[in-house]
Amino acid sequence: MGTPEHHEPVLRVERGQASDEELAALTVVLLALRAGGAFPRRGRPVNGSRWWRPRTRRAPRSWQ
């Protein structure tokens, strides 16, 4: 498999001129965000699908 001779741009700058270094930095940031390592998750993790119940419809913890 050879390398393609014509490269399609992945990013497009609408206004102004972005240098190669600026595009490389932006690409690194976007790939890091996509990988999911940029921001820690909040709350407890959700495993699979869960049934959702409003708080007003929850069963009491104790009948005593």
PDB file of N, CA and C in Angstrom:
ATOM      1  N   MET A   1       0.836  -1.167   0.000  1.00  0.00           N
ATOM      2  CA  MET A   1       0.000   0.000   0.000  1.00  0.00           C
ATOM      3  C   MET A   1       0.887   1.237   0.000  1.00  0.00           C
ATOM      4  N   GLY A   2       0.720   2.092  -0.959  1.00  0.00           N
ATOM      5  CA  GLY A   2       1.531   3.299  -1.058  1.00  0.00           C
ATOM      6  C   GLY A   2       0.859   4.483  -0.397  1.00  0.00           C
ATOM      7  N   THR A   3       1.578   5.572  -0.346  1.00  0.00           N
ATOM      8  CA  THR A   3       1.011   6.794   0.223  1.00  0.00           C
ATOM      9  C   THR A   3       0.288   7.554  -0.871  1.00  0.00           C
ATOM     10  N   PRO A   4      -0.868   8.129  -0.558  1.00  0.00           N
ATOM     11  CA  PRO A   4      -1.590   8.888  -1.583  1.00  0.00           C
ATOM     12  C   PRO A   4      -0.829  10.163  -1.939  1.00  0.00           C
ATOM     13  N   GLU A   5      -0.935  10.544  -3.194  1.00  0.00           N
ATOM     14  CA  GLU A   5      -0.215  11.730  -3.652  1.00  0.00           C
ATOM     15  C   GLU A   5      -0.984  13.007  -3.351  1.00  0.00           C
ATOM     16  N   HIS A   6      -2.293  12.931  -3.274  1.00  0.00           N
ATOM     17  CA  HIS A   6      -3.105  14.123  -3.013  1.00  0.00           C
ATOM     18  C   HIS A   6      -3.772  13.966  -1.652  1.00  0.00           C
ATOM     19  N   HIS A   7      -3.542  14.907  -0.767  1.00  0.00           N
ATOM     20  CA  HIS A   7      -4.113  14.851   0.581  1.00  0.00           C
ATOM     21  C   HIS A   7      -5.297  15.807   0.673  1.00  0.00           C
ATOM     22  N   GLU A   8      -6.425  15.284   1.104  1.00  0.00           N
ATOM     23  CA  GLU A   8      -7.593  16.126   1.352  1.00  0.00           C
ATOM     24  C   GLU A   8      -7.442  16.773   2.721  1.00  0.00           C
ATOM     25  N   PRO A   9      -7.760  18.056   2.857  1.00  0.00           N
ATOM     26  CA  PRO A   9      -7.653  18.689   4.176  1.00  0.00           C
ATOM     27  C   PRO A   9      -8.722  18.159   5.123  1.00  0.00           C
ATOM     28  N   VAL A  10      -8.314  17.915   6.353  1.00  0.00           N
ATOM     29  CA  VAL A  10      -9.245  17.434   7.366  1.00  0.00           C
ATOM     30  C   VAL A  10      -9.886  18.614   8.074  1.00  0.00           C
ATOM     31  N   LEU A  11      -9.126  19.669   8.279  1.00  0.00           N
ATOM     32  CA  LEU A  11      -9.610  20.894   8.908  1.00  0.00           C
ATOM     33  C   LEU A  11      -9.606  22.019   7.887  1.00  0.00           C
ATOM     34  N   ARG A  12     -10.571  22.916   8.033  1.00  0.00           N
ATOM     35  CA  ARG A  12     -10.635  24.055   7.125  1.00  0.00           C
ATOM     36  C   ARG A  12     -10.731  25.331   7.947  1.00  0.00           C
ATOM     37  N   VAL A  13      -9.929  26.323   7.614  1.00  0.00           N
ATOM     38  CA  VAL A  13      -9.952  27.617   8.285  1.00  0.00           C
ATOM     39  C   VAL A  13     -10.867  28.525   7.480  1.00  0.00           C
ATOM     40  N   GLU A  14     -11.924  29.023   8.125  1.00  0.00           N
ATOM     41  CA  GLU A  14     -12.888  29.872   7.435  1.00  0.00           C
ATOM     42  C   GLU A  14     -12.356  31.281   7.195  1.00  0.00           C
ATOM     43  N   ARG A  15     -11.672  31.825   8.187  1.00  0.00           N
ATOM     44  CA  ARG A  15     -11.136  33.184   8.059  1.00  0.00           C
ATOM     45  C   ARG A  15      -9.700  33.206   8.533  1.00  0.00           C
ATOM     46  N   GLY A  16      -8.898  33.978   7.882  1.00  0.00           N
ATOM     47  CA  GLY A  16      -7.513  34.123   8.306  1.00  0.00           C
ATOM     48  C   GLY A  16      -6.636  33.021   7.751  1.00  0.00           C
ATOM     49  N   GLN A  17      -5.404  33.026   8.183  1.00  0.00           N
ATOM     50  CA  GLN A  17      -4.418  32.047   7.737  1.00  0.00           C
ATOM     51  C   GLN A  17      -3.858  31.327   8.954  1.00  0.00           C
ATOM     52  N   ALA A  18      -4.064  30.052   9.046  1.00  0.00           N
ATOM     53  CA  ALA A  18      -3.503  29.264  10.146  1.00  0.00           C
ATOM     54  C   ALA A  18      -2.189  28.649   9.674  1.00  0.00           C
ATOM     55  N   SER A  19      -1.184  28.765  10.508  1.00  0.00           N
ATOM     56  CA  SER A  19       0.107  28.168  10.164  1.00  0.00           C
ATOM     57  C   SER A  19       0.047  26.661  10.389  1.00  0.00           C
ATOM     58  N   ASP A  20       1.051  25.965   9.901  1.00  0.00           N
ATOM     59  CA  ASP A  20       1.107  24.516  10.103  1.00  0.00           C
ATOM     60  C   ASP A  20       1.191  24.166  11.582  1.00  0.00           C
ATOM     61  N   GLU A  21       1.909  24.972  12.359  1.00  0.00           N
ATOM     62  CA  GLU A  21       2.039  24.719  13.797  1.00  0.00           C
ATOM     63  C   GLU A  21       0.705  24.901  14.506  1.00  0.00           C
ATOM     64  N   GLU A  22      -0.060  25.926  14.115  1.00  0.00           N
ATOM     65  CA  GLU A  22      -1.368  26.158  14.738  1.00  0.00           C
ATOM     66  C   GLU A  22      -2.342  25.025  14.411  1.00  0.00           C
ATOM     67  N   LEU A  23      -2.326  24.567  13.178  1.00  0.00           N
ATOM     68  CA  LEU A  23      -3.199  23.451  12.806  1.00  0.00           C
ATOM     69  C   LEU A  23      -2.800  22.170  13.522  1.00  0.00           C
ATOM     70  N   ALA A  24      -1.503  21.962  13.694  1.00  0.00           N
ATOM     71  CA  ALA A  24      -1.040  20.774  14.419  1.00  0.00           C
ATOM     72  C   ALA A  24      -1.473  20.830  15.877  1.00  0.00           C
ATOM     73  N   ALA A  25      -1.366  22.003  16.510  1.00  0.00           N
ATOM     74  CA  ALA A  25      -1.781  22.146  17.909  1.00  0.00           C
ATOM     75  C   ALA A  25      -3.284  21.926  18.047  1.00  0.00           C
ATOM     76  N   LEU A  26      -4.058  22.476  17.144  1.00  0.00           N
ATOM     77  CA  LEU A  26      -5.509  22.296  17.180  1.00  0.00           C
ATOM     78  C   LEU A  26      -5.882  20.828  16.987  1.00  0.00           C
ATOM     79  N   THR A  27      -5.199  20.155  16.094  1.00  0.00           N
ATOM     80  CA  THR A  27      -5.457  18.739  15.857  1.00  0.00           C
ATOM     81  C   THR A  27      -5.162  17.906  17.095  1.00  0.00           C
ATOM     82  N   VAL A  28      -4.070  18.214  17.780  1.00  0.00           N
ATOM     83  CA  VAL A  28      -3.721  17.479  19.002  1.00  0.00           C
ATOM     84  C   VAL A  28      -4.795  17.672  20.065  1.00  0.00           C
ATOM     85  N   VAL A  29      -5.273  18.897  20.227  1.00  0.00           N
ATOM     86  CA  VAL A  29      -6.303  19.181  21.230  1.00  0.00           C
ATOM     87  C   VAL A  29      -7.598  18.449  20.885  1.00  0.00           C
ATOM     88  N   LEU A  30      -8.012  18.498  19.633  1.00  0.00           N
ATOM     89  CA  LEU A  30      -9.256  17.832  19.242  1.00  0.00           C
ATOM     90  C   LEU A  30      -9.165  16.315  19.401  1.00  0.00           C
ATOM     91  N   LEU A  31      -8.032  15.737  19.066  1.00  0.00           N
ATOM     92  CA  LEU A  31      -7.870  14.293  19.244  1.00  0.00           C
ATOM     93  C   LEU A  31      -7.848  13.908  20.716  1.00  0.00           C
ATOM     94  N   ALA A  32      -7.256  14.752  21.558  1.00  0.00           N
ATOM     95  CA  ALA A  32      -7.246  14.473  22.996  1.00  0.00           C
ATOM     96  C   ALA A  32      -8.658  14.548  23.567  1.00  0.00           C
ATOM     97  N   LEU A  33      -9.434  15.528  23.128  1.00  0.00           N
ATOM     98  CA  LEU A  33     -10.819  15.625  23.592  1.00  0.00           C
ATOM     99  C   LEU A  33     -11.630  14.421  23.125  1.00  0.00           C
ATOM    100  N   ARG A  34     -11.408  13.990  21.913  1.00  0.00           N
ATOM    101  CA  ARG A  34     -12.139  12.840  21.388  1.00  0.00           C
ATOM    102  C   ARG A  34     -11.773  11.560  22.126  1.00  0.00           C
ATOM    103  N   ALA A  35     -10.536  11.456  22.563  1.00  0.00           N
ATOM    104  CA  ALA A  35     -10.097  10.266  23.287  1.00  0.00           C
ATOM    105  C   ALA A  35     -10.731  10.183  24.667  1.00  0.00           C
ATOM    106  N   GLY A  36     -11.242  11.298  25.177  1.00  0.00           N
ATOM    107  CA  GLY A  36     -11.938  11.284  26.451  1.00  0.00           C
ATOM    108  C   GLY A  36     -11.046  11.462  27.651  1.00  0.00           C
ATOM    109  N   GLY A  37      -9.810  11.777  27.481  1.00  0.00           N
ATOM    110  CA  GLY A  37      -8.911  11.932  28.609  1.00  0.00           C
ATOM    111  C   GLY A  37      -8.772  13.362  29.085  1.00  0.00           C
ATOM    112  N   ALA A  38      -9.505  14.286  28.492  1.00  0.00           N
ATOM    113  CA  ALA A  38      -9.323  15.692  28.838  1.00  0.00           C
ATOM    114  C   ALA A  38     -10.026  16.067  30.139  1.00  0.00           C
ATOM    115  N   PHE A  39     -11.209  15.556  30.343  1.00  0.00           N
ATOM    116  CA  PHE A  39     -11.986  15.945  31.505  1.00  0.00           C
ATOM    117  C   PHE A  39     -12.379  14.704  32.299  1.00  0.00           C
ATOM    118  N   PRO A  40     -12.201  14.720  33.615  1.00  0.00           N
ATOM    119  CA  PRO A  40     -12.615  13.559  34.413  1.00  0.00           C
ATOM    120  C   PRO A  40     -14.135  13.471  34.480  1.00  0.00           C
ATOM    121  N   ARG A  41     -14.643  12.252  34.588  1.00  0.00           N
ATOM    122  CA  ARG A  41     -16.084  12.060  34.720  1.00  0.00           C
ATOM    123  C   ARG A  41     -16.542  12.467  36.105  1.00  0.00           C
ATOM    124  N   ARG A  42     -17.740  12.982  36.166  1.00  0.00           N
ATOM    125  CA  ARG A  42     -18.320  13.341  37.458  1.00  0.00           C
ATOM    126  C   ARG A  42     -19.409  12.342  37.797  1.00  0.00           C
ATOM    127  N   GLY A  43     -19.581  12.132  39.078  1.00  0.00           N
ATOM    128  CA  GLY A  43     -20.624  11.214  39.516  1.00  0.00           C
ATOM    129  C   GLY A  43     -20.196   9.775  39.372  1.00  0.00           C
ATOM    130  N   ARG A  44     -21.128   8.889  39.653  1.00  0.00           N
ATOM    131  CA  ARG A  44     -20.797   7.470  39.556  1.00  0.00           C
ATOM    132  C   ARG A  44     -20.994   6.983  38.127  1.00  0.00           C
ATOM    133  N   PRO A  45     -20.225   6.022  37.704  1.00  0.00           N
ATOM    134  CA  PRO A  45     -20.351   5.528  36.331  1.00  0.00           C
ATOM    135  C   PRO A  45     -21.654   4.764  36.138  1.00  0.00           C
ATOM    136  N   VAL A  46     -22.177   4.832  34.954  1.00  0.00           N
ATOM    137  CA  VAL A  46     -23.410   4.138  34.610  1.00  0.00           C
ATOM    138  C   VAL A  46     -23.028   2.890  33.831  1.00  0.00           C
ATOM    139  N   ASN A  47     -23.426   1.742  34.336  1.00  0.00           N
ATOM    140  CA  ASN A  47     -23.129   0.479  33.672  1.00  0.00           C
ATOM    141  C   ASN A  47     -24.354   0.001  32.912  1.00  0.00           C
ATOM    142  N   GLY A  48     -24.257  -0.052  31.615  1.00  0.00           N
ATOM    143  CA  GLY A  48     -25.360  -0.553  30.806  1.00  0.00           C
ATOM    144  C   GLY A  48     -26.581   0.345  30.903  1.00  0.00           C
ATOM    145  N   SER A  49     -27.732  -0.222  30.624  1.00  0.00           N
ATOM    146  CA  SER A  49     -28.961   0.558  30.710  1.00  0.00           C
ATOM    147  C   SER A  49     -29.592   0.372  32.083  1.00  0.00           C
ATOM    148  N   ARG A  50     -30.201   1.424  32.576  1.00  0.00           N
ATOM    149  CA  ARG A  50     -30.860   1.380  33.881  1.00  0.00           C
ATOM    150  C   ARG A  50     -32.300   1.835  33.705  1.00  0.00           C
ATOM    151  N   TRP A  51     -33.110   1.394  34.624  1.00  0.00           N
ATOM    152  CA  TRP A  51     -34.471   1.907  34.653  1.00  0.00           C
ATOM    153  C   TRP A  51     -34.448   3.226  35.388  1.00  0.00           C
ATOM    154  N   TRP A  52     -35.153   4.188  34.868  1.00  0.00           N
ATOM    155  CA  TRP A  52     -35.196   5.498  35.491  1.00  0.00           C
ATOM    156  C   TRP A  52     -36.501   5.648  36.243  1.00  0.00           C
ATOM    157  N   ARG A  53     -36.402   6.045  37.487  1.00  0.00           N
ATOM    158  CA  ARG A  53     -37.585   6.313  38.302  1.00  0.00           C
ATOM    159  C   ARG A  53     -37.442   7.693  38.914  1.00  0.00           C
ATOM    160  N   PRO A  54     -38.500   8.497  38.824  1.00  0.00           N
ATOM    161  CA  PRO A  54     -38.433   9.796  39.505  1.00  0.00           C
ATOM    162  C   PRO A  54     -38.349   9.590  41.010  1.00  0.00           C
ATOM    163  N   ARG A  55     -37.765  10.522  41.703  1.00  0.00           N
ATOM    164  CA  ARG A  55     -37.602  10.414  43.156  1.00  0.00           C
ATOM    165  C   ARG A  55     -38.945  10.320  43.876  1.00  0.00           C
ATOM    166  N   THR A  56     -39.985  10.896  43.355  1.00  0.00           N
ATOM    167  CA  THR A  56     -41.286  10.848  44.022  1.00  0.00           C
ATOM    168  C   THR A  56     -41.907   9.457  43.958  1.00  0.00           C
ATOM    169  N   ARG A  57     -41.458   8.613  43.083  1.00  0.00           N
ATOM    170  CA  ARG A  57     -42.032   7.282  42.918  1.00  0.00           C
ATOM    171  C   ARG A  57     -41.163   6.190  43.524  1.00  0.00           C
ATOM    172  N   ARG A  58     -40.169   6.529  44.298  1.00  0.00           N
ATOM    173  CA  ARG A  58     -39.286   5.525  44.896  1.00  0.00           C
ATOM    174  C   ARG A  58     -39.951   4.844  46.085  1.00  0.00           C
ATOM    175  N   ALA A  59     -39.623   3.593  46.256  1.00  0.00           N
ATOM    176  CA  ALA A  59     -40.135   2.850  47.400  1.00  0.00           C
ATOM    177  C   ALA A  59     -39.427   3.325  48.667  1.00  0.00           C
ATOM    178  N   PRO A  60     -40.144   3.349  49.801  1.00  0.00           N
ATOM    179  CA  PRO A  60     -39.496   3.760  51.043  1.00  0.00           C
ATOM    180  C   PRO A  60     -38.454   2.735  51.474  1.00  0.00           C
ATOM    181  N   ARG A  61     -37.441   3.197  52.175  1.00  0.00           N
ATOM    182  CA  ARG A  61     -36.380   2.296  52.630  1.00  0.00           C
ATOM    183  C   ARG A  61     -36.833   1.460  53.822  1.00  0.00           C
ATOM    184  N   SER A  62     -37.704   2.003  54.615  1.00  0.00           N
ATOM    185  CA  SER A  62     -38.154   1.276  55.790  1.00  0.00           C
ATOM    186  C   SER A  62     -39.619   1.608  56.040  1.00  0.00           C
ATOM    187  N   TRP A  63     -40.399   0.607  56.443  1.00  0.00           N
ATOM    188  CA  TRP A  63     -41.799   0.824  56.751  1.00  0.00           C
ATOM    189  C   TRP A  63     -42.002   1.103  58.235  1.00  0.00           C
ATOM    190  N   GLN A  64     -40.965   1.107  59.012  1.00  0.00           N
ATOM    191  CA  GLN A  64     -41.107   1.318  60.457  1.00  0.00           C
ATOM    192  C   GLN A  64     -41.114   2.774  60.814  1.00  0.00           C
TER     193      GLN A  64
END
